[in-house]
């Protein structure tokens, strides 16, 4: 997904990335992994803050609560 994101994200494929993130965070355990590792990998290692922001949105929609600080 990171490679696809780097190839180019635009308003036409944001839904695709949001759907992919929804699949990746489909269970509570996967959402916990996103909080403990995924955000760090995507945001810090790859420097993709916009993808982290989209991931946070998906997390909040699925979990029904805000991303913990």
PDB file of N, CA and C in Angstrom:
ATOM      1  N   UNK A   1       0.818  -1.181   0.000  1.00  0.00           N
ATOM      2  CA  UNK A   1       0.000   0.000   0.000  1.00  0.00           C
ATOM      3  C   UNK A   1       0.863   1.247   0.000  1.00  0.00           C
ATOM      4  N   UNK A   2       1.978   1.201   0.704  1.00  0.00           N
ATOM      5  CA  UNK A   2       2.876   2.359   0.737  1.00  0.00           C
ATOM      6  C   UNK A   2       3.417   2.649  -0.662  1.00  0.00           C
ATOM      7  N   UNK A   3       3.785   1.607  -1.394  1.00  0.00           N
ATOM      8  CA  UNK A   3       4.260   1.812  -2.767  1.00  0.00           C
ATOM      9  C   UNK A   3       3.173   2.421  -3.641  1.00  0.00           C
ATOM     10  N   UNK A   4       1.957   1.927  -3.508  1.00  0.00           N
ATOM     11  CA  UNK A   4       0.846   2.488  -4.285  1.00  0.00           C
ATOM     12  C   UNK A   4       0.625   3.951  -3.931  1.00  0.00           C
ATOM     13  N   UNK A   5       0.683   4.270  -2.642  1.00  0.00           N
ATOM     14  CA  UNK A   5       0.502   5.651  -2.193  1.00  0.00           C
ATOM     15  C   UNK A   5       1.575   6.540  -2.829  1.00  0.00           C
ATOM     16  N   UNK A   6       2.812   6.057  -2.823  1.00  0.00           N
ATOM     17  CA  UNK A   6       3.914   6.841  -3.392  1.00  0.00           C
ATOM     18  C   UNK A   6       3.789   7.021  -4.898  1.00  0.00           C
ATOM     19  N   UNK A   7       3.088   6.120  -5.568  1.00  0.00           N
ATOM     20  CA  UNK A   7       2.877   6.261  -7.004  1.00  0.00           C
ATOM     21  C   UNK A   7       1.897   7.378  -7.332  1.00  0.00           C
ATOM     22  N   UNK A   8       1.105   7.759  -6.367  1.00  0.00           N
ATOM     23  CA  UNK A   8       0.218   8.893  -6.596  1.00  0.00           C
ATOM     24  C   UNK A   8      -1.165   8.693  -6.031  1.00  0.00           C
ATOM     25  N   UNK A   9      -1.508   9.570  -5.128  1.00  0.00           N
ATOM     26  CA  UNK A   9      -2.854   9.572  -4.560  1.00  0.00           C
ATOM     27  C   UNK A   9      -3.544  10.829  -5.064  1.00  0.00           C
ATOM     28  N   UNK A  10      -4.806  10.688  -5.372  1.00  0.00           N
ATOM     29  CA  UNK A  10      -5.598  11.842  -5.787  1.00  0.00           C
ATOM     30  C   UNK A  10      -7.029  11.634  -5.322  1.00  0.00           C
ATOM     31  N   UNK A  11      -7.868  12.624  -5.601  1.00  0.00           N
ATOM     32  CA  UNK A  11      -9.240  12.544  -5.098  1.00  0.00           C
ATOM     33  C   UNK A  11     -10.001  11.357  -5.688  1.00  0.00           C
ATOM     34  N   UNK A  12      -9.555  10.834  -6.803  1.00  0.00           N
ATOM     35  CA  UNK A  12     -10.232   9.704  -7.423  1.00  0.00           C
ATOM     36  C   UNK A  12      -9.908   8.368  -6.776  1.00  0.00           C
ATOM     37  N   UNK A  13      -8.758   8.256  -6.112  1.00  0.00           N
ATOM     38  CA  UNK A  13      -8.421   6.963  -5.528  1.00  0.00           C
ATOM     39  C   UNK A  13      -8.312   6.973  -4.007  1.00  0.00           C
ATOM     40  N   UNK A  14      -8.691   8.060  -3.370  1.00  0.00           N
ATOM     41  CA  UNK A  14      -8.685   8.099  -1.901  1.00  0.00           C
ATOM     42  C   UNK A  14      -9.633   7.043  -1.344  1.00  0.00           C
ATOM     43  N   UNK A  15     -10.771   6.847  -2.000  1.00  0.00           N
ATOM     44  CA  UNK A  15     -11.714   5.807  -1.556  1.00  0.00           C
ATOM     45  C   UNK A  15     -11.067   4.429  -1.579  1.00  0.00           C
ATOM     46  N   UNK A  16     -10.236   4.182  -2.572  1.00  0.00           N
ATOM     47  CA  UNK A  16      -9.522   2.910  -2.667  1.00  0.00           C
ATOM     48  C   UNK A  16      -8.623   2.723  -1.449  1.00  0.00           C
ATOM     49  N   UNK A  17      -7.842   3.741  -1.119  1.00  0.00           N
ATOM     50  CA  UNK A  17      -6.942   3.643   0.029  1.00  0.00           C
ATOM     51  C   UNK A  17      -7.722   3.523   1.336  1.00  0.00           C
ATOM     52  N   UNK A  18      -8.819   4.242   1.428  1.00  0.00           N
ATOM     53  CA  UNK A  18      -9.654   4.151   2.625  1.00  0.00           C
ATOM     54  C   UNK A  18     -10.222   2.738   2.767  1.00  0.00           C
ATOM     55  N   UNK A  19     -10.655   2.151   1.660  1.00  0.00           N
ATOM     56  CA  UNK A  19     -11.161   0.782   1.688  1.00  0.00           C
ATOM     57  C   UNK A  19     -10.090  -0.223   2.069  1.00  0.00           C
ATOM     58  N   UNK A  20      -8.890  -0.042   1.527  1.00  0.00           N
ATOM     59  CA  UNK A  20      -7.781  -0.931   1.858  1.00  0.00           C
ATOM     60  C   UNK A  20      -7.437  -0.831   3.334  1.00  0.00           C
ATOM     61  N   UNK A  21      -7.392   0.384   3.860  1.00  0.00           N
ATOM     62  CA  UNK A  21      -7.136   0.556   5.292  1.00  0.00           C
ATOM     63  C   UNK A  21      -8.235  -0.085   6.125  1.00  0.00           C
ATOM     64  N   UNK A  22      -9.466   0.008   5.663  1.00  0.00           N
ATOM     65  CA  UNK A  22     -10.574  -0.621   6.376  1.00  0.00           C
ATOM     66  C   UNK A  22     -10.422  -2.132   6.446  1.00  0.00           C
ATOM     67  N   UNK A  23      -9.920  -2.722   5.364  1.00  0.00           N
ATOM     68  CA  UNK A  23      -9.672  -4.164   5.364  1.00  0.00           C
ATOM     69  C   UNK A  23      -8.541  -4.499   6.327  1.00  0.00           C
ATOM     70  N   UNK A  24      -7.477  -3.696   6.288  1.00  0.00           N
ATOM     71  CA  UNK A  24      -6.325  -3.936   7.160  1.00  0.00           C
ATOM     72  C   UNK A  24      -6.661  -3.762   8.639  1.00  0.00           C
ATOM     73  N   UNK A  25      -7.673  -2.942   8.935  1.00  0.00           N
ATOM     74  CA  UNK A  25      -8.055  -2.700  10.327  1.00  0.00           C
ATOM     75  C   UNK A  25      -9.423  -3.291  10.638  1.00  0.00           C
ATOM     76  N   UNK A  26      -9.740  -4.407  10.015  1.00  0.00           N
ATOM     77  CA  UNK A  26     -11.059  -4.999  10.147  1.00  0.00           C
ATOM     78  C   UNK A  26     -11.384  -5.606  11.508  1.00  0.00           C
ATOM     79  N   UNK A  27     -10.359  -5.943  12.268  1.00  0.00           N
ATOM     80  CA  UNK A  27     -10.611  -6.511  13.592  1.00  0.00           C
ATOM     81  C   UNK A  27     -10.008  -5.615  14.668  1.00  0.00           C
ATOM     82  N   UNK A  28     -10.443  -5.827  15.885  1.00  0.00           N
ATOM     83  CA  UNK A  28      -9.943  -5.021  16.994  1.00  0.00           C
ATOM     84  C   UNK A  28      -8.432  -5.205  17.175  1.00  0.00           C
ATOM     85  N   UNK A  29      -7.933  -6.425  16.985  1.00  0.00           N
ATOM     86  CA  UNK A  29      -6.503  -6.683  17.105  1.00  0.00           C
ATOM     87  C   UNK A  29      -5.692  -5.944  16.048  1.00  0.00           C
ATOM     88  N   UNK A  30      -6.221  -5.876  14.835  1.00  0.00           N
ATOM     89  CA  UNK A  30      -5.535  -5.151  13.766  1.00  0.00           C
ATOM     90  C   UNK A  30      -5.523  -3.652  14.037  1.00  0.00           C
ATOM     91  N   UNK A  31      -6.601  -3.148  14.636  1.00  0.00           N
ATOM     92  CA  UNK A  31      -6.631  -1.721  14.992  1.00  0.00           C
ATOM     93  C   UNK A  31      -5.635  -1.431  16.109  1.00  0.00           C
ATOM     94  N   UNK A  32      -5.479  -2.365  17.034  1.00  0.00           N
ATOM     95  CA  UNK A  32      -4.490  -2.189  18.098  1.00  0.00           C
ATOM     96  C   UNK A  32      -3.083  -2.162  17.498  1.00  0.00           C
ATOM     97  N   UNK A  33      -2.817  -3.049  16.542  1.00  0.00           N
ATOM     98  CA  UNK A  33      -1.518  -3.053  15.869  1.00  0.00           C
ATOM     99  C   UNK A  33      -1.287  -1.723  15.163  1.00  0.00           C
ATOM    100  N   UNK A  34      -2.325  -1.186  14.530  1.00  0.00           N
ATOM    101  CA  UNK A  34      -2.205   0.113  13.864  1.00  0.00           C
ATOM    102  C   UNK A  34      -1.754   1.167  14.861  1.00  0.00           C
ATOM    103  N   UNK A  35      -2.358   1.162  16.049  1.00  0.00           N
ATOM    104  CA  UNK A  35      -1.995   2.163  17.059  1.00  0.00           C
ATOM    105  C   UNK A  35      -0.570   1.989  17.571  1.00  0.00           C
ATOM    106  N   UNK A  36      -0.166   0.751  17.808  1.00  0.00           N
ATOM    107  CA  UNK A  36       1.136   0.512  18.436  1.00  0.00           C
ATOM    108  C   UNK A  36       2.295   0.474  17.445  1.00  0.00           C
ATOM    109  N   UNK A  37       2.035   0.081  16.209  1.00  0.00           N
ATOM    110  CA  UNK A  37       3.126  -0.070  15.242  1.00  0.00           C
ATOM    111  C   UNK A  37       2.867   0.609  13.894  1.00  0.00           C
ATOM    112  N   UNK A  38       1.684   0.411  13.354  1.00  0.00           N
ATOM    113  CA  UNK A  38       1.384   0.892  12.009  1.00  0.00           C
ATOM    114  C   UNK A  38       1.569   2.385  11.825  1.00  0.00           C
ATOM    115  N   UNK A  39       1.081   3.156  12.768  1.00  0.00           N
ATOM    116  CA  UNK A  39       1.209   4.613  12.670  1.00  0.00           C
ATOM    117  C   UNK A  39       2.675   5.029  12.695  1.00  0.00           C
ATOM    118  N   UNK A  40       3.470   4.359  13.502  1.00  0.00           N
ATOM    119  CA  UNK A  40       4.891   4.684  13.598  1.00  0.00           C
ATOM    120  C   UNK A  40       5.605   4.334  12.290  1.00  0.00           C
ATOM    121  N   UNK A  41       5.312   3.160  11.769  1.00  0.00           N
ATOM    122  CA  UNK A  41       5.958   2.730  10.530  1.00  0.00           C
ATOM    123  C   UNK A  41       5.606   3.676   9.387  1.00  0.00           C
ATOM    124  N   UNK A  42       4.339   3.949   9.218  1.00  0.00           N
ATOM    125  CA  UNK A  42       3.897   4.774   8.095  1.00  0.00           C
ATOM    126  C   UNK A  42       4.312   6.235   8.286  1.00  0.00           C
ATOM    127  N   UNK A  43       4.139   6.756   9.489  1.00  0.00           N
ATOM    128  CA  UNK A  43       4.411   8.173   9.724  1.00  0.00           C
ATOM    129  C   UNK A  43       5.866   8.513   9.930  1.00  0.00           C
ATOM    130  N   UNK A  44       6.570   7.719  10.714  1.00  0.00           N
ATOM    131  CA  UNK A  44       7.949   8.045  11.064  1.00  0.00           C
ATOM    132  C   UNK A  44       8.933   7.443  10.070  1.00  0.00           C
ATOM    133  N   UNK A  45       8.815   6.175   9.811  1.00  0.00           N
ATOM    134  CA  UNK A  45       9.766   5.512   8.922  1.00  0.00           C
ATOM    135  C   UNK A  45       9.593   5.992   7.478  1.00  0.00           C
ATOM    136  N   UNK A  46       8.345   6.031   6.998  1.00  0.00           N
ATOM    137  CA  UNK A  46       8.104   6.412   5.611  1.00  0.00           C
ATOM    138  C   UNK A  46       7.720   7.883   5.447  1.00  0.00           C
ATOM    139  N   UNK A  47       7.420   8.576   6.529  1.00  0.00           N
ATOM    140  CA  UNK A  47       7.107  10.002   6.463  1.00  0.00           C
ATOM    141  C   UNK A  47       5.841  10.333   5.704  1.00  0.00           C
ATOM    142  N   UNK A  48       4.846   9.470   5.785  1.00  0.00           N
ATOM    143  CA  UNK A  48       3.594   9.670   5.042  1.00  0.00           C
ATOM    144  C   UNK A  48       2.486  10.143   5.982  1.00  0.00           C
ATOM    145  N   UNK A  49       2.584  11.379   6.421  1.00  0.00           N
ATOM    146  CA  UNK A  49       1.623  11.904   7.398  1.00  0.00           C
ATOM    147  C   UNK A  49       0.197  11.937   6.856  1.00  0.00           C
ATOM    148  N   UNK A  50       0.036  12.149   5.548  1.00  0.00           N
ATOM    149  CA  UNK A  50      -1.312  12.160   4.975  1.00  0.00           C
ATOM    150  C   UNK A  50      -1.944  10.765   5.024  1.00  0.00           C
ATOM    151  N   UNK A  51      -1.132   9.741   4.826  1.00  0.00           N
ATOM    152  CA  UNK A  51      -1.649   8.369   4.921  1.00  0.00           C
ATOM    153  C   UNK A  51      -1.989   8.037   6.372  1.00  0.00           C
ATOM    154  N   UNK A  52      -1.205   8.525   7.311  1.00  0.00           N
ATOM    155  CA  UNK A  52      -1.521   8.331   8.734  1.00  0.00           C
ATOM    156  C   UNK A  52      -2.837   9.021   9.062  1.00  0.00           C
ATOM    157  N   UNK A  53      -3.022  10.218   8.551  1.00  0.00           N
ATOM    158  CA  UNK A  53      -4.271  10.947   8.789  1.00  0.00           C
ATOM    159  C   UNK A  53      -5.474  10.174   8.250  1.00  0.00           C
ATOM    160  N   UNK A  54      -5.342   9.614   7.063  1.00  0.00           N
ATOM    161  CA  UNK A  54      -6.420   8.801   6.497  1.00  0.00           C
ATOM    162  C   UNK A  54      -6.622   7.542   7.336  1.00  0.00           C
ATOM    163  N   UNK A  55      -5.529   6.933   7.780  1.00  0.00           N
ATOM    164  CA  UNK A  55      -5.620   5.763   8.661  1.00  0.00           C
ATOM    165  C   UNK A  55      -6.328   6.086   9.961  1.00  0.00           C
ATOM    166  N   UNK A  56      -6.035   7.264  10.517  1.00  0.00           N
ATOM    167  CA  UNK A  56      -6.703   7.676  11.748  1.00  0.00           C
ATOM    168  C   UNK A  56      -8.202   7.822  11.535  1.00  0.00           C
ATOM    169  N   UNK A  57      -8.578   8.378  10.396  1.00  0.00           N
ATOM    170  CA  UNK A  57      -9.998   8.517  10.076  1.00  0.00           C
ATOM    171  C   UNK A  57     -10.680   7.159  10.005  1.00  0.00           C
ATOM    172  N   UNK A  58     -10.045   6.227   9.316  1.00  0.00           N
ATOM    173  CA  UNK A  58     -10.606   4.873   9.191  1.00  0.00           C
ATOM    174  C   UNK A  58     -10.689   4.222  10.572  1.00  0.00           C
ATOM    175  N   UNK A  59      -9.629   4.350  11.366  1.00  0.00           N
ATOM    176  CA  UNK A  59      -9.618   3.787  12.721  1.00  0.00           C
ATOM    177  C   UNK A  59     -10.808   4.325  13.510  1.00  0.00           C
ATOM    178  N   UNK A  60     -11.003   5.635  13.490  1.00  0.00           N
ATOM    179  CA  UNK A  60     -12.077   6.258  14.269  1.00  0.00           C
ATOM    180  C   UNK A  60     -13.452   5.801  13.790  1.00  0.00           C
ATOM    181  N   UNK A  61     -13.610   5.644  12.493  1.00  0.00           N
ATOM    182  CA  UNK A  61     -14.891   5.165  11.964  1.00  0.00           C
ATOM    183  C   UNK A  61     -15.168   3.731  12.408  1.00  0.00           C
ATOM    184  N   UNK A  62     -14.155   2.894  12.386  1.00  0.00           N
ATOM    185  CA  UNK A  62     -14.349   1.494  12.751  1.00  0.00           C
ATOM    186  C   UNK A  62     -14.459   1.295  14.247  1.00  0.00           C
ATOM    187  N   UNK A  63     -13.659   2.022  15.006  1.00  0.00           N
ATOM    188  CA  UNK A  63     -13.612   1.848  16.451  1.00  0.00           C
ATOM    189  C   UNK A  63     -14.715   2.627  17.165  1.00  0.00           C
ATOM    190  N   UNK A  64     -15.195   3.686  16.524  1.00  0.00           N
ATOM    191  CA  UNK A  64     -16.246   4.508  17.134  1.00  0.00           C
ATOM    192  C   UNK A  64     -15.714   5.443  18.202  1.00  0.00           C
ATOM    193  N   UNK A  65     -14.415   5.668  18.210  1.00  0.00           N
ATOM    194  CA  UNK A  65     -13.799   6.600  19.169  1.00  0.00           C
ATOM    195  C   UNK A  65     -12.537   7.177  18.542  1.00  0.00           C
ATOM    196  N   UNK A  66     -12.046   8.234  19.142  1.00  0.00           N
ATOM    197  CA  UNK A  66     -10.866   8.910  18.642  1.00  0.00           C
ATOM    198  C   UNK A  66      -9.612   8.080  18.813  1.00  0.00           C
ATOM    199  N   UNK A  67      -8.607   8.363  17.989  1.00  0.00           N
ATOM    200  CA  UNK A  67      -7.302   7.748  18.152  1.00  0.00           C
ATOM    201  C   UNK A  67      -6.707   8.262  19.459  1.00  0.00           C
ATOM    202  N   UNK A  68      -6.290   7.372  20.348  1.00  0.00           N
ATOM    203  CA  UNK A  68      -5.711   7.840  21.622  1.00  0.00           C
ATOM    204  C   UNK A  68      -4.453   8.672  21.387  1.00  0.00           C
ATOM    205  N   UNK A  69      -4.287   9.654  22.221  1.00  0.00           N
ATOM    206  CA  UNK A  69      -3.111  10.548  22.101  1.00  0.00           C
ATOM    207  C   UNK A  69      -1.859   9.876  22.583  1.00  0.00           C
TER     208      UNK A  69
END
